[in-house]
């Protein structure tokens, strides 16, 4: 990590246990509302992964659990309605790469595991809700607020190769930027850490 990234992470306040509990409850209530109201989004909540996708991701997580036991359960491609969070391991111990894509655009951030959540270099926190949902929150005006989309991120699939990830990005300049950032941060889709 660069000194600037470490500085930003050190300055970013961690959610308290109470705040995290509240964020988890909000995510759970959101899921219940979607299910109860039988809205259009309900179909998107169903697990549409194939058994091969489930097994491939589980194998990837198991392999990384040997060196990154706290981060490994976050690895995968978490799908929302119009957005996806691609969470990759990094060749730098203790670091994770998060690429968010939506509507042909994307951005890469890096993060570290701290107190049960991933804290990114832009102040976002990512937390798992069981093995099926991924919640997100941002620090705004001194408090953490939910940053979950209309349909929660869920059903983690296997991570994609860099070239597969870039297929989700339309602009060539943005593809180049994300590709450079991906390589510079040591992001990998490999099941083992490079030396």
N, C-alpha and C. Protein backbone atom coordinates (compact mmCIF):
# COMPACT_ATOMS: atom_id res chain seq x y z
N UNK A 1 0.85 -1.18 0.00
CA UNK A 1 0.00 0.00 0.00
C UNK A 1 0.89 1.24 0.00
N UNK A 2 0.42 2.27 -0.67
CA UNK A 2 1.18 3.51 -0.66
C UNK A 2 0.92 4.23 0.65
N UNK A 3 1.77 5.19 0.95
CA UNK A 3 1.60 5.96 2.18
C UNK A 3 0.27 6.71 2.18
N UNK A 4 -0.13 7.22 1.00
CA UNK A 4 -1.42 7.94 0.92
C UNK A 4 -2.59 7.02 1.23
N UNK A 5 -2.56 5.79 0.69
CA UNK A 5 -3.65 4.84 0.95
C UNK A 5 -3.72 4.50 2.43
N UNK A 6 -2.56 4.27 3.04
CA UNK A 6 -2.53 3.95 4.47
C UNK A 6 -3.04 5.13 5.29
N UNK A 7 -2.68 6.33 4.88
CA UNK A 7 -3.12 7.53 5.59
C UNK A 7 -4.64 7.66 5.53
N UNK A 8 -5.21 7.46 4.34
CA UNK A 8 -6.67 7.55 4.19
C UNK A 8 -7.36 6.49 5.05
N UNK A 9 -6.83 5.26 5.01
CA UNK A 9 -7.43 4.19 5.81
C UNK A 9 -7.33 4.49 7.29
N UNK A 10 -6.22 5.07 7.73
CA UNK A 10 -6.06 5.37 9.15
C UNK A 10 -7.02 6.48 9.58
N UNK A 11 -7.32 7.41 8.68
CA UNK A 11 -8.20 8.52 9.01
C UNK A 11 -9.67 8.14 8.96
N UNK A 12 -9.99 7.09 8.25
CA UNK A 12 -11.38 6.70 8.08
C UNK A 12 -11.87 6.00 9.34
N UNK A 13 -12.92 6.53 9.89
CA UNK A 13 -13.48 5.96 11.11
C UNK A 13 -14.10 4.61 10.82
N UNK A 14 -13.90 3.71 11.72
CA UNK A 14 -14.46 2.37 11.64
C UNK A 14 -15.89 2.41 12.20
N UNK A 15 -16.84 1.66 11.63
CA UNK A 15 -18.17 1.63 12.23
C UNK A 15 -18.11 0.95 13.61
N UNK A 16 -18.86 1.49 14.54
CA UNK A 16 -18.93 0.86 15.85
C UNK A 16 -19.75 -0.41 15.73
N UNK A 17 -19.69 -1.26 16.74
CA UNK A 17 -20.50 -2.49 16.73
C UNK A 17 -21.98 -2.15 16.63
N UNK A 18 -22.41 -1.08 17.29
CA UNK A 18 -23.81 -0.65 17.25
C UNK A 18 -24.19 -0.22 15.84
N UNK A 19 -23.32 0.57 15.19
CA UNK A 19 -23.59 1.01 13.82
C UNK A 19 -23.65 -0.19 12.87
N UNK A 20 -22.72 -1.11 13.04
CA UNK A 20 -22.70 -2.28 12.17
C UNK A 20 -23.95 -3.13 12.37
N UNK A 21 -24.37 -3.28 13.61
CA UNK A 21 -25.61 -4.03 13.90
C UNK A 21 -26.80 -3.36 13.22
N UNK A 22 -26.85 -2.02 13.29
CA UNK A 22 -27.95 -1.27 12.65
C UNK A 22 -27.91 -1.43 11.13
N UNK A 23 -26.73 -1.37 10.54
CA UNK A 23 -26.59 -1.55 9.09
C UNK A 23 -27.04 -2.95 8.67
N UNK A 24 -26.68 -3.95 9.45
CA UNK A 24 -27.10 -5.33 9.14
C UNK A 24 -28.63 -5.45 9.24
N UNK A 25 -29.21 -4.84 10.27
CA UNK A 25 -30.67 -4.88 10.43
C UNK A 25 -31.36 -4.20 9.26
N UNK A 26 -30.82 -3.06 8.81
CA UNK A 26 -31.41 -2.35 7.67
C UNK A 26 -31.37 -3.23 6.42
N UNK A 27 -30.25 -3.92 6.21
CA UNK A 27 -30.13 -4.80 5.05
C UNK A 27 -31.12 -5.95 5.16
N UNK A 28 -31.22 -6.55 6.33
CA UNK A 28 -32.17 -7.66 6.54
C UNK A 28 -33.61 -7.19 6.30
N UNK A 29 -33.96 -6.01 6.81
CA UNK A 29 -35.32 -5.48 6.62
C UNK A 29 -35.59 -5.20 5.14
N UNK A 30 -34.59 -4.69 4.45
CA UNK A 30 -34.73 -4.42 3.01
C UNK A 30 -35.03 -5.72 2.26
N UNK A 31 -34.30 -6.77 2.59
CA UNK A 31 -34.51 -8.08 1.94
C UNK A 31 -35.90 -8.60 2.26
N UNK A 32 -36.32 -8.48 3.51
CA UNK A 32 -37.66 -8.95 3.93
C UNK A 32 -38.74 -8.18 3.18
N UNK A 33 -38.58 -6.85 3.08
CA UNK A 33 -39.56 -6.02 2.35
C UNK A 33 -39.68 -6.46 0.90
N UNK A 34 -38.54 -6.67 0.27
CA UNK A 34 -38.56 -7.10 -1.13
C UNK A 34 -39.29 -8.43 -1.28
N UNK A 35 -39.03 -9.34 -0.37
CA UNK A 35 -39.63 -10.67 -0.43
C UNK A 35 -41.13 -10.62 -0.12
N UNK A 36 -41.50 -9.88 0.93
CA UNK A 36 -42.92 -9.79 1.33
C UNK A 36 -43.77 -9.10 0.29
N UNK A 37 -43.25 -8.02 -0.26
CA UNK A 37 -44.03 -7.24 -1.22
C UNK A 37 -44.11 -7.90 -2.58
N UNK A 38 -43.36 -8.99 -2.74
CA UNK A 38 -43.35 -9.72 -4.00
C UNK A 38 -43.14 -8.77 -5.19
N UNK A 39 -42.18 -7.85 -5.00
CA UNK A 39 -41.91 -6.85 -6.03
C UNK A 39 -41.15 -7.49 -7.19
N UNK A 40 -40.95 -6.69 -8.21
CA UNK A 40 -40.21 -7.14 -9.38
C UNK A 40 -38.84 -7.66 -8.97
N UNK A 41 -38.24 -7.02 -7.96
CA UNK A 41 -36.90 -7.40 -7.51
C UNK A 41 -36.82 -8.76 -6.86
N UNK A 42 -37.93 -9.31 -6.42
CA UNK A 42 -37.90 -10.58 -5.71
C UNK A 42 -37.23 -11.66 -6.54
N UNK A 43 -37.52 -11.72 -7.83
CA UNK A 43 -36.90 -12.71 -8.69
C UNK A 43 -35.39 -12.57 -8.74
N UNK A 44 -34.91 -11.33 -8.57
CA UNK A 44 -33.47 -11.08 -8.58
C UNK A 44 -32.81 -11.60 -7.31
N UNK A 45 -33.59 -11.83 -6.25
CA UNK A 45 -33.02 -12.32 -5.00
C UNK A 45 -32.76 -13.82 -5.03
N UNK A 46 -33.38 -14.51 -5.96
CA UNK A 46 -33.21 -15.95 -6.04
C UNK A 46 -31.79 -16.30 -6.46
N UNK A 47 -31.30 -17.37 -5.94
CA UNK A 47 -29.94 -17.84 -6.26
C UNK A 47 -29.96 -18.52 -7.61
N UNK A 48 -29.41 -17.87 -8.62
CA UNK A 48 -29.42 -18.43 -9.97
C UNK A 48 -28.06 -19.02 -10.35
N UNK A 49 -27.17 -19.17 -9.37
CA UNK A 49 -25.86 -19.74 -9.67
C UNK A 49 -25.99 -21.23 -10.00
N UNK A 50 -25.13 -21.67 -10.89
CA UNK A 50 -25.08 -23.10 -11.19
C UNK A 50 -24.25 -23.77 -10.10
N UNK A 51 -24.36 -25.09 -10.01
CA UNK A 51 -23.57 -25.81 -9.03
C UNK A 51 -22.08 -25.66 -9.33
N UNK A 52 -21.74 -25.59 -10.60
CA UNK A 52 -20.33 -25.40 -10.99
C UNK A 52 -19.82 -24.05 -10.48
N UNK A 53 -20.63 -22.98 -10.63
CA UNK A 53 -20.23 -21.65 -10.13
C UNK A 53 -20.04 -21.69 -8.62
N UNK A 54 -20.97 -22.31 -7.92
CA UNK A 54 -20.86 -22.41 -6.46
C UNK A 54 -19.59 -23.16 -6.07
N UNK A 55 -19.36 -24.31 -6.71
CA UNK A 55 -18.19 -25.13 -6.38
C UNK A 55 -16.88 -24.41 -6.71
N UNK A 56 -16.85 -23.72 -7.85
CA UNK A 56 -15.64 -23.00 -8.27
C UNK A 56 -15.31 -21.89 -7.29
N UNK A 57 -16.32 -21.14 -6.88
CA UNK A 57 -16.07 -20.08 -5.91
C UNK A 57 -15.64 -20.66 -4.57
N UNK A 58 -16.32 -21.69 -4.11
CA UNK A 58 -15.96 -22.31 -2.82
C UNK A 58 -14.52 -22.81 -2.85
N UNK A 59 -14.10 -23.38 -3.94
CA UNK A 59 -12.73 -23.86 -4.09
C UNK A 59 -11.74 -22.70 -4.02
N UNK A 60 -12.07 -21.59 -4.68
CA UNK A 60 -11.24 -20.39 -4.68
C UNK A 60 -11.11 -19.84 -3.26
N UNK A 61 -12.24 -19.73 -2.56
CA UNK A 61 -12.25 -19.22 -1.18
C UNK A 61 -11.43 -20.16 -0.29
N UNK A 62 -11.60 -21.45 -0.45
CA UNK A 62 -10.86 -22.43 0.37
C UNK A 62 -9.35 -22.27 0.15
N UNK A 63 -8.95 -22.11 -1.12
CA UNK A 63 -7.52 -21.96 -1.43
C UNK A 63 -6.94 -20.71 -0.77
N UNK A 64 -7.68 -19.59 -0.84
CA UNK A 64 -7.19 -18.34 -0.26
C UNK A 64 -7.34 -18.31 1.27
N UNK A 65 -8.19 -19.13 1.81
CA UNK A 65 -8.37 -19.17 3.27
C UNK A 65 -7.09 -19.58 3.99
N UNK A 66 -6.21 -20.26 3.28
CA UNK A 66 -4.95 -20.69 3.89
C UNK A 66 -4.04 -19.50 4.20
N UNK A 67 -4.11 -18.45 3.37
CA UNK A 67 -3.25 -17.28 3.58
C UNK A 67 -4.02 -16.02 3.97
N UNK A 68 -5.30 -15.96 3.66
CA UNK A 68 -6.14 -14.79 3.98
C UNK A 68 -7.47 -15.25 4.58
N UNK A 69 -7.43 -15.87 5.77
CA UNK A 69 -8.66 -16.46 6.32
C UNK A 69 -9.79 -15.46 6.56
N UNK A 70 -9.47 -14.22 6.88
CA UNK A 70 -10.54 -13.23 7.14
C UNK A 70 -11.09 -12.63 5.85
N UNK A 71 -10.23 -12.45 4.86
CA UNK A 71 -10.65 -11.82 3.60
C UNK A 71 -11.30 -12.81 2.63
N UNK A 72 -10.84 -14.05 2.64
CA UNK A 72 -11.28 -15.03 1.64
C UNK A 72 -12.80 -15.15 1.48
N UNK A 73 -13.61 -15.14 2.57
CA UNK A 73 -15.06 -15.27 2.39
C UNK A 73 -15.70 -14.14 1.59
N UNK A 74 -14.98 -13.02 1.43
CA UNK A 74 -15.50 -11.89 0.66
C UNK A 74 -15.22 -12.03 -0.84
N UNK A 75 -14.26 -12.88 -1.21
CA UNK A 75 -13.84 -12.96 -2.61
C UNK A 75 -14.96 -13.50 -3.48
N UNK A 76 -15.13 -12.86 -4.62
CA UNK A 76 -16.13 -13.30 -5.57
C UNK A 76 -16.76 -12.14 -6.29
N UNK A 77 -17.68 -12.47 -7.13
CA UNK A 77 -18.41 -11.52 -7.94
C UNK A 77 -19.82 -11.44 -7.33
N UNK A 78 -20.12 -10.35 -6.64
CA UNK A 78 -21.39 -10.16 -5.93
C UNK A 78 -22.32 -9.34 -6.83
N UNK A 79 -23.46 -9.89 -7.18
CA UNK A 79 -24.34 -9.31 -8.18
C UNK A 79 -25.52 -8.59 -7.55
N UNK A 80 -25.77 -7.36 -8.00
CA UNK A 80 -26.96 -6.61 -7.62
C UNK A 80 -27.90 -6.55 -8.81
N UNK A 81 -28.72 -5.52 -8.88
CA UNK A 81 -29.64 -5.39 -10.01
C UNK A 81 -28.91 -4.85 -11.23
N UNK A 82 -28.30 -3.68 -11.09
CA UNK A 82 -27.56 -3.09 -12.21
C UNK A 82 -26.09 -2.89 -11.86
N UNK A 83 -25.67 -3.41 -10.74
CA UNK A 83 -24.29 -3.23 -10.31
C UNK A 83 -23.70 -4.54 -9.81
N UNK A 84 -22.38 -4.61 -9.90
CA UNK A 84 -21.63 -5.79 -9.47
C UNK A 84 -20.42 -5.32 -8.68
N UNK A 85 -20.13 -6.00 -7.59
CA UNK A 85 -18.88 -5.78 -6.86
C UNK A 85 -18.02 -7.01 -7.06
N UNK A 86 -16.86 -6.81 -7.68
CA UNK A 86 -15.90 -7.87 -7.93
C UNK A 86 -14.85 -7.74 -6.83
N UNK A 87 -14.74 -8.70 -5.95
CA UNK A 87 -13.78 -8.61 -4.85
C UNK A 87 -12.68 -9.64 -5.08
N UNK A 88 -11.47 -9.11 -5.28
CA UNK A 88 -10.30 -9.93 -5.62
C UNK A 88 -9.29 -9.92 -4.48
N UNK A 89 -8.54 -11.01 -4.36
CA UNK A 89 -7.39 -10.97 -3.47
C UNK A 89 -6.29 -10.13 -4.10
N UNK A 90 -5.34 -9.75 -3.28
CA UNK A 90 -4.17 -9.02 -3.75
C UNK A 90 -2.94 -9.84 -3.42
N UNK A 91 -1.89 -9.65 -4.21
CA UNK A 91 -0.62 -10.29 -3.89
C UNK A 91 0.04 -9.64 -2.69
N UNK A 92 -0.48 -8.50 -2.23
CA UNK A 92 -0.01 -7.86 -1.01
C UNK A 92 -0.84 -8.39 0.15
N UNK A 93 -0.19 -9.04 1.10
CA UNK A 93 -0.88 -9.66 2.22
C UNK A 93 -1.78 -8.64 2.93
N UNK A 94 -3.00 -9.08 3.26
CA UNK A 94 -3.92 -8.26 4.02
C UNK A 94 -4.71 -7.25 3.22
N UNK A 95 -4.52 -7.24 1.91
CA UNK A 95 -5.21 -6.26 1.08
C UNK A 95 -6.16 -6.96 0.13
N UNK A 96 -7.23 -6.26 -0.22
CA UNK A 96 -8.23 -6.76 -1.14
C UNK A 96 -8.46 -5.68 -2.21
N UNK A 97 -8.87 -6.10 -3.39
CA UNK A 97 -9.19 -5.19 -4.48
C UNK A 97 -10.69 -5.29 -4.75
N UNK A 98 -11.35 -4.15 -4.85
CA UNK A 98 -12.79 -4.12 -5.11
C UNK A 98 -13.02 -3.32 -6.38
N UNK A 99 -13.59 -3.98 -7.37
CA UNK A 99 -13.94 -3.29 -8.61
C UNK A 99 -15.45 -3.28 -8.70
N UNK A 100 -16.01 -2.09 -8.71
CA UNK A 100 -17.47 -1.94 -8.83
C UNK A 100 -17.78 -1.58 -10.27
N UNK A 101 -18.70 -2.32 -10.88
CA UNK A 101 -19.12 -2.03 -12.24
C UNK A 101 -20.63 -1.85 -12.29
N UNK A 102 -21.05 -0.92 -13.12
CA UNK A 102 -22.48 -0.66 -13.32
C UNK A 102 -22.65 0.10 -14.62
N UNK A 103 -23.59 -0.32 -15.41
CA UNK A 103 -23.97 0.38 -16.64
C UNK A 103 -22.77 0.74 -17.51
N UNK A 104 -21.84 -0.21 -17.66
CA UNK A 104 -20.71 -0.01 -18.56
C UNK A 104 -19.57 0.80 -18.01
N UNK A 105 -19.61 1.14 -16.73
CA UNK A 105 -18.58 1.94 -16.11
C UNK A 105 -18.03 1.18 -14.91
N UNK A 106 -16.88 1.62 -14.38
CA UNK A 106 -16.33 0.93 -13.23
C UNK A 106 -15.30 1.77 -12.50
N UNK A 107 -14.95 1.29 -11.29
CA UNK A 107 -13.89 1.91 -10.51
C UNK A 107 -13.26 0.86 -9.62
N UNK A 108 -11.99 1.05 -9.34
CA UNK A 108 -11.26 0.12 -8.48
C UNK A 108 -10.87 0.82 -7.19
N UNK A 109 -11.11 0.16 -6.08
CA UNK A 109 -10.63 0.62 -4.78
C UNK A 109 -9.90 -0.53 -4.12
N UNK A 110 -9.12 -0.22 -3.11
CA UNK A 110 -8.46 -1.26 -2.34
C UNK A 110 -8.96 -1.18 -0.92
N UNK A 111 -8.81 -2.25 -0.19
CA UNK A 111 -9.28 -2.26 1.18
C UNK A 111 -8.52 -3.24 2.05
N UNK A 112 -8.78 -3.15 3.33
CA UNK A 112 -8.20 -4.05 4.31
C UNK A 112 -9.31 -4.56 5.23
N UNK A 113 -9.08 -5.71 5.82
CA UNK A 113 -10.04 -6.28 6.76
C UNK A 113 -9.78 -5.66 8.13
N UNK A 114 -10.83 -5.20 8.77
CA UNK A 114 -10.70 -4.61 10.08
C UNK A 114 -12.00 -4.77 10.84
N UNK A 115 -11.95 -5.37 12.00
CA UNK A 115 -13.10 -5.50 12.88
C UNK A 115 -14.31 -6.13 12.18
N UNK A 116 -14.07 -7.15 11.36
CA UNK A 116 -15.16 -7.88 10.72
C UNK A 116 -15.67 -7.32 9.41
N UNK A 117 -15.10 -6.21 8.94
CA UNK A 117 -15.55 -5.59 7.69
C UNK A 117 -14.34 -5.30 6.82
N UNK A 118 -14.59 -5.06 5.55
CA UNK A 118 -13.55 -4.54 4.66
C UNK A 118 -13.72 -3.04 4.63
N UNK A 119 -12.63 -2.34 4.91
CA UNK A 119 -12.63 -0.89 4.87
C UNK A 119 -11.83 -0.46 3.65
N UNK A 120 -12.46 0.26 2.71
CA UNK A 120 -11.78 0.65 1.48
C UNK A 120 -11.09 1.99 1.62
N UNK A 121 -10.23 2.28 0.64
CA UNK A 121 -9.48 3.53 0.66
C UNK A 121 -10.35 4.76 0.35
N UNK A 122 -11.64 4.57 0.07
CA UNK A 122 -12.54 5.72 -0.13
C UNK A 122 -13.54 5.84 1.04
N UNK A 123 -13.30 5.06 2.10
CA UNK A 123 -14.15 5.17 3.28
C UNK A 123 -15.38 4.30 3.27
N UNK A 124 -15.52 3.44 2.28
CA UNK A 124 -16.66 2.53 2.23
C UNK A 124 -16.34 1.31 3.09
N UNK A 125 -17.38 0.76 3.72
CA UNK A 125 -17.20 -0.51 4.43
C UNK A 125 -18.12 -1.55 3.77
N UNK A 126 -17.59 -2.75 3.66
CA UNK A 126 -18.33 -3.87 3.10
C UNK A 126 -18.44 -4.92 4.19
N UNK A 127 -19.64 -5.46 4.36
CA UNK A 127 -19.85 -6.48 5.38
C UNK A 127 -20.71 -7.59 4.82
N UNK A 128 -20.41 -8.81 5.26
CA UNK A 128 -21.18 -9.96 4.80
C UNK A 128 -22.39 -10.13 5.70
N UNK A 129 -23.48 -10.51 5.12
CA UNK A 129 -24.68 -10.89 5.87
C UNK A 129 -24.93 -12.34 5.52
N UNK A 130 -24.48 -13.23 6.39
CA UNK A 130 -24.52 -14.65 6.08
C UNK A 130 -23.54 -14.94 4.95
N UNK A 131 -23.79 -15.98 4.21
CA UNK A 131 -22.92 -16.33 3.09
C UNK A 131 -23.49 -15.88 1.75
N UNK A 132 -24.62 -15.19 1.78
CA UNK A 132 -25.35 -14.93 0.56
C UNK A 132 -25.43 -13.44 0.19
N UNK A 133 -25.35 -12.53 1.18
CA UNK A 133 -25.52 -11.10 0.93
C UNK A 133 -24.29 -10.31 1.33
N UNK A 134 -24.06 -9.22 0.60
CA UNK A 134 -22.97 -8.31 0.89
C UNK A 134 -23.56 -6.92 1.08
N UNK A 135 -23.32 -6.33 2.23
CA UNK A 135 -23.81 -4.99 2.51
C UNK A 135 -22.71 -3.97 2.33
N UNK A 136 -23.13 -2.72 2.15
CA UNK A 136 -22.19 -1.63 1.92
C UNK A 136 -22.67 -0.38 2.64
N UNK A 137 -21.73 0.39 3.17
CA UNK A 137 -22.07 1.65 3.85
C UNK A 137 -20.95 2.65 3.63
N UNK A 138 -21.32 3.92 3.64
CA UNK A 138 -20.36 5.01 3.51
C UNK A 138 -20.47 5.93 4.72
N UNK A 139 -19.36 6.54 5.07
CA UNK A 139 -19.34 7.52 6.15
C UNK A 139 -19.75 8.87 5.58
N UNK A 140 -20.89 9.38 6.05
CA UNK A 140 -21.38 10.68 5.60
C UNK A 140 -21.76 11.50 6.81
N UNK A 141 -21.21 12.71 6.88
CA UNK A 141 -21.49 13.62 7.99
C UNK A 141 -21.29 12.94 9.35
N UNK A 142 -20.21 12.16 9.45
CA UNK A 142 -19.86 11.56 10.72
C UNK A 142 -20.59 10.29 11.10
N UNK A 143 -21.50 9.82 10.23
CA UNK A 143 -22.19 8.57 10.55
C UNK A 143 -22.25 7.68 9.32
N UNK A 144 -22.32 6.38 9.59
CA UNK A 144 -22.37 5.42 8.49
C UNK A 144 -23.80 5.26 8.00
N UNK A 145 -23.96 5.38 6.68
CA UNK A 145 -25.28 5.22 6.07
C UNK A 145 -25.20 4.11 5.03
N UNK A 146 -26.29 3.40 4.91
CA UNK A 146 -26.38 2.29 3.98
C UNK A 146 -26.14 2.78 2.56
N UNK A 147 -25.40 1.99 1.82
CA UNK A 147 -25.11 2.30 0.42
C UNK A 147 -25.55 1.13 -0.45
N UNK A 148 -26.58 0.42 0.01
CA UNK A 148 -27.07 -0.75 -0.72
C UNK A 148 -28.00 -0.30 -1.84
N UNK A 149 -27.90 -0.98 -2.94
CA UNK A 149 -28.74 -0.63 -4.08
C UNK A 149 -30.15 -1.18 -3.91
N UNK A 150 -30.97 -0.90 -4.89
CA UNK A 150 -32.36 -1.35 -4.89
C UNK A 150 -32.46 -2.85 -4.64
N UNK A 151 -31.61 -3.61 -5.28
CA UNK A 151 -31.53 -5.06 -5.08
C UNK A 151 -30.17 -5.33 -4.44
N UNK A 152 -30.13 -5.94 -3.26
CA UNK A 152 -28.86 -6.15 -2.56
C UNK A 152 -27.89 -7.04 -3.34
N UNK A 153 -26.60 -6.80 -3.10
CA UNK A 153 -25.57 -7.65 -3.68
C UNK A 153 -25.68 -9.02 -3.03
N UNK A 154 -25.61 -10.08 -3.86
CA UNK A 154 -25.84 -11.42 -3.33
C UNK A 154 -25.21 -12.46 -4.25
N UNK A 155 -25.40 -13.72 -3.89
CA UNK A 155 -25.00 -14.87 -4.71
C UNK A 155 -23.58 -14.78 -5.23
N UNK A 156 -22.58 -14.82 -4.37
CA UNK A 156 -21.21 -14.66 -4.87
C UNK A 156 -20.83 -15.74 -5.87
N UNK A 157 -20.35 -15.30 -7.01
CA UNK A 157 -19.88 -16.18 -8.07
C UNK A 157 -18.35 -16.14 -8.08
N UNK A 158 -17.72 -17.00 -8.87
CA UNK A 158 -16.25 -16.97 -8.95
C UNK A 158 -15.76 -15.64 -9.52
N UNK A 159 -14.58 -15.22 -9.09
CA UNK A 159 -13.99 -14.00 -9.66
C UNK A 159 -13.67 -14.25 -11.14
N UNK A 160 -13.68 -13.18 -11.89
CA UNK A 160 -13.36 -13.26 -13.32
C UNK A 160 -11.89 -12.91 -13.53
N UNK A 161 -11.36 -13.31 -14.65
CA UNK A 161 -10.02 -12.86 -15.04
C UNK A 161 -10.11 -11.35 -15.31
N UNK A 162 -8.96 -10.69 -15.37
CA UNK A 162 -8.95 -9.26 -15.67
C UNK A 162 -9.64 -8.98 -17.00
N UNK A 163 -9.37 -9.80 -18.01
CA UNK A 163 -10.00 -9.57 -19.32
C UNK A 163 -11.51 -9.75 -19.23
N UNK A 164 -11.98 -10.72 -18.45
CA UNK A 164 -13.42 -10.91 -18.26
C UNK A 164 -14.05 -9.72 -17.55
N UNK A 165 -13.36 -9.22 -16.55
CA UNK A 165 -13.84 -8.04 -15.81
C UNK A 165 -13.96 -6.84 -16.75
N UNK A 166 -12.96 -6.63 -17.59
CA UNK A 166 -12.95 -5.46 -18.47
C UNK A 166 -14.05 -5.49 -19.52
N UNK A 167 -14.62 -6.66 -19.78
CA UNK A 167 -15.74 -6.73 -20.72
C UNK A 167 -16.95 -5.97 -20.20
N UNK A 168 -17.01 -5.72 -18.88
CA UNK A 168 -18.12 -4.97 -18.29
C UNK A 168 -17.95 -3.46 -18.44
N UNK A 169 -16.78 -3.01 -18.91
CA UNK A 169 -16.45 -1.59 -19.05
C UNK A 169 -16.49 -1.22 -20.53
N UNK A 170 -17.18 -0.12 -20.86
CA UNK A 170 -17.33 0.28 -22.25
C UNK A 170 -16.20 1.17 -22.76
N UNK A 171 -15.81 2.19 -22.01
CA UNK A 171 -14.82 3.17 -22.46
C UNK A 171 -13.40 2.60 -22.42
N UNK A 172 -12.68 2.74 -23.53
CA UNK A 172 -11.31 2.22 -23.61
C UNK A 172 -10.40 2.87 -22.57
N UNK A 173 -10.54 4.17 -22.35
CA UNK A 173 -9.68 4.85 -21.38
C UNK A 173 -9.94 4.34 -19.95
N UNK A 174 -11.19 4.05 -19.67
CA UNK A 174 -11.54 3.51 -18.34
C UNK A 174 -11.01 2.08 -18.20
N UNK A 175 -11.10 1.30 -19.26
CA UNK A 175 -10.54 -0.06 -19.25
C UNK A 175 -9.05 -0.01 -18.94
N UNK A 176 -8.34 0.90 -19.63
CA UNK A 176 -6.90 1.04 -19.43
C UNK A 176 -6.57 1.45 -18.00
N UNK A 177 -7.33 2.39 -17.48
CA UNK A 177 -7.10 2.87 -16.12
C UNK A 177 -7.30 1.75 -15.10
N UNK A 178 -8.41 1.03 -15.22
CA UNK A 178 -8.69 -0.06 -14.28
C UNK A 178 -7.65 -1.17 -14.43
N UNK A 179 -7.25 -1.47 -15.65
CA UNK A 179 -6.23 -2.49 -15.88
C UNK A 179 -4.92 -2.11 -15.21
N UNK A 180 -4.50 -0.85 -15.35
CA UNK A 180 -3.27 -0.37 -14.72
C UNK A 180 -3.39 -0.42 -13.20
N UNK A 181 -4.52 0.05 -12.67
CA UNK A 181 -4.73 0.04 -11.22
C UNK A 181 -4.75 -1.39 -10.68
N UNK A 182 -5.38 -2.29 -11.41
CA UNK A 182 -5.50 -3.70 -11.02
C UNK A 182 -4.10 -4.30 -10.86
N UNK A 183 -3.27 -4.06 -11.86
CA UNK A 183 -1.90 -4.60 -11.83
C UNK A 183 -1.06 -3.92 -10.76
N UNK A 184 -1.18 -2.60 -10.63
CA UNK A 184 -0.39 -1.86 -9.64
C UNK A 184 -0.74 -2.27 -8.21
N UNK A 185 -2.00 -2.60 -7.96
CA UNK A 185 -2.44 -3.00 -6.62
C UNK A 185 -2.16 -4.48 -6.35
N UNK A 186 -1.64 -5.18 -7.35
CA UNK A 186 -1.34 -6.60 -7.16
C UNK A 186 -2.58 -7.47 -7.12
N UNK A 187 -3.66 -7.00 -7.71
CA UNK A 187 -4.91 -7.77 -7.73
C UNK A 187 -4.69 -9.04 -8.55
N UNK A 188 -5.37 -10.10 -8.17
CA UNK A 188 -5.20 -11.36 -8.88
C UNK A 188 -6.48 -12.17 -8.89
N UNK A 189 -6.63 -12.95 -9.95
CA UNK A 189 -7.74 -13.91 -10.00
C UNK A 189 -7.20 -15.33 -9.85
N UNK A 190 -5.93 -15.43 -9.52
CA UNK A 190 -5.27 -16.71 -9.33
C UNK A 190 -5.64 -17.30 -7.96
N UNK A 191 -5.55 -18.60 -7.84
CA UNK A 191 -5.85 -19.24 -6.55
C UNK A 191 -4.66 -19.21 -5.60
N UNK A 192 -3.52 -18.69 -6.06
CA UNK A 192 -2.35 -18.59 -5.19
C UNK A 192 -1.73 -17.19 -5.31
N UNK A 193 -1.11 -16.77 -4.23
CA UNK A 193 -0.45 -15.46 -4.20
C UNK A 193 0.88 -15.56 -4.93
N UNK A 194 1.16 -14.56 -5.79
CA UNK A 194 2.45 -14.47 -6.48
C UNK A 194 3.48 -13.92 -5.52
N UNK A 195 4.68 -14.33 -5.70
CA UNK A 195 5.77 -13.81 -4.84
C UNK A 195 6.28 -12.51 -5.38
